[in-house]
């Protein structure tokens, strides 16, 4: 069974940085596309960033371009999200997502809270 466990969230001041990690188990993720999504209170879940399996191509929401960087370490079955220049509007629960390469099944982690506030 696939499990995704996020970590690295917390409280940070505006302008600060955080690095989120997502540990995958139950499956080797090397062929899967992975990404980060977020959901703020009262809002729908939205895409933050994705990274493909083979080429490592990345895609970012306009709101985070130039500030966030997604990466993956297939040898460690890990996905990361480096978040710099954080803003209060980045406050949300951040979720790790995996989409299996053949069956296109989505898996989600339990989420990690990121709060940007002074």
Protein backbone atom coordinates (compact mmCIF):
# COMPACT_ATOMS: atom_id res chain seq x y z
CA UNK A 1 0.00 0.00 0.00
CA UNK A 2 1.33 3.40 -0.98
CA UNK A 3 1.88 5.86 1.84
CA UNK A 4 3.03 9.45 1.60
CA UNK A 5 4.18 11.26 4.74
CA UNK A 6 4.85 14.99 4.69
CA UNK A 7 7.04 16.86 7.15
CA UNK A 8 8.73 20.21 7.53
CA UNK A 9 5.75 22.49 8.01
CA UNK A 10 5.51 25.06 10.76
CA UNK A 11 5.23 28.73 11.64
CA UNK A 12 7.49 31.15 9.79
CA UNK A 13 7.65 34.92 9.47
CA UNK A 14 6.97 36.64 6.15
CA UNK A 15 10.08 36.51 3.97
CA UNK A 16 11.26 33.32 5.62
CA UNK A 17 11.88 29.86 4.21
CA UNK A 18 10.74 26.32 4.81
CA UNK A 19 11.58 23.01 3.20
CA UNK A 20 8.84 20.40 3.00
CA UNK A 21 9.66 16.74 2.58
CA UNK A 22 7.49 13.86 1.41
CA UNK A 23 8.56 10.30 2.14
CA UNK A 24 6.97 7.62 -0.03
CA UNK A 25 6.68 3.98 0.96
CA UNK A 26 5.04 0.91 -0.48
CA UNK A 27 6.12 1.78 -3.99
CA UNK A 28 9.19 2.89 -5.93
CA UNK A 29 8.27 6.32 -7.25
CA UNK A 30 10.86 6.60 -10.00
CA UNK A 31 8.30 6.29 -12.82
CA UNK A 32 5.55 8.33 -11.16
CA UNK A 33 4.74 12.01 -11.47
CA UNK A 34 4.67 13.73 -8.09
CA UNK A 35 3.63 17.12 -6.83
CA UNK A 36 2.58 19.43 -4.04
CA UNK A 37 -0.86 20.91 -3.54
CA UNK A 38 -2.22 23.19 -0.85
CA UNK A 39 -5.54 24.07 0.71
CA UNK A 40 -6.22 27.22 2.66
CA UNK A 41 -9.22 27.55 5.00
CA UNK A 42 -12.41 28.03 3.02
CA UNK A 43 -10.69 27.45 -0.31
CA UNK A 44 -10.35 24.57 -2.72
CA UNK A 45 -7.19 22.53 -2.95
CA UNK A 46 -4.86 23.98 -5.55
CA UNK A 47 -1.77 22.88 -7.39
CA UNK A 48 1.51 24.31 -6.14
CA UNK A 49 4.12 22.42 -8.17
CA UNK A 50 4.63 19.16 -10.02
CA UNK A 51 7.63 17.28 -11.34
CA UNK A 52 7.56 14.50 -13.91
CA UNK A 53 9.23 11.16 -13.53
CA UNK A 54 11.49 10.78 -16.53
CA UNK A 55 12.50 14.23 -17.71
CA UNK A 56 12.12 15.95 -14.38
CA UNK A 57 10.11 18.73 -15.98
CA UNK A 58 8.52 21.06 -13.47
CA UNK A 59 5.35 23.08 -13.40
CA UNK A 60 4.47 25.80 -10.89
CA UNK A 61 1.45 27.83 -9.97
CA UNK A 62 1.95 31.44 -11.03
CA UNK A 63 1.67 32.54 -7.40
CA UNK A 64 4.80 30.60 -6.38
CA UNK A 65 7.01 30.89 -9.49
CA UNK A 66 10.46 32.15 -8.62
CA UNK A 67 9.97 31.45 -4.91
CA UNK A 68 9.31 27.71 -4.65
CA UNK A 69 11.34 24.82 -6.03
CA UNK A 70 10.17 21.23 -6.31
CA UNK A 71 12.68 18.40 -6.48
CA UNK A 72 12.82 14.66 -6.10
CA UNK A 73 15.32 12.02 -5.05
CA UNK A 74 14.20 8.76 -6.61
CA UNK A 75 16.95 6.80 -4.89
CA UNK A 76 15.52 7.84 -1.53
CA UNK A 77 11.87 7.81 -2.62
CA UNK A 78 11.57 11.44 -1.52
CA UNK A 79 9.98 14.61 -2.86
CA UNK A 80 10.83 18.10 -1.62
CA UNK A 81 9.44 21.60 -1.81
CA UNK A 82 11.79 24.45 -1.02
CA UNK A 83 9.77 27.55 -0.19
CA UNK A 84 11.50 30.93 -0.05
CA UNK A 85 10.22 34.47 0.39
CA UNK A 86 7.11 33.16 2.06
CA UNK A 87 4.03 35.35 2.20
CA UNK A 88 0.99 35.25 4.50
CA UNK A 89 -1.08 34.07 1.53
CA UNK A 90 1.05 30.92 1.38
CA UNK A 91 -0.57 29.82 4.64
CA UNK A 92 -2.27 26.48 4.00
CA UNK A 93 -2.11 22.76 4.54
CA UNK A 94 0.35 21.35 2.01
CA UNK A 95 -0.23 17.91 0.54
CA UNK A 96 2.09 15.58 -1.31
CA UNK A 97 0.59 13.86 -4.34
CA UNK A 98 1.68 10.88 -6.41
CA UNK A 99 0.10 9.77 -9.67
CA UNK A 100 1.03 6.23 -10.68
CA UNK A 101 2.57 6.05 -14.12
CA UNK A 102 0.47 3.30 -15.65
CA UNK A 103 -2.88 3.31 -13.85
CA UNK A 104 -2.94 7.07 -13.12
CA UNK A 105 -4.17 6.49 -9.57
CA UNK A 106 -3.75 9.43 -7.20
CA UNK A 107 -2.30 9.03 -3.71
CA UNK A 108 -2.22 11.78 -1.08
CA UNK A 109 -0.39 12.38 2.14
CA UNK A 110 -2.08 13.58 5.32
CA UNK A 111 -0.82 17.13 4.87
CA UNK A 112 1.47 19.45 6.80
CA UNK A 113 0.46 22.90 8.05
CA UNK A 114 2.40 25.94 6.88
CA UNK A 115 1.61 29.23 8.62
CA UNK A 116 3.24 32.48 7.52
CA UNK A 117 2.67 35.19 10.08
CA UNK A 118 4.51 37.83 12.02
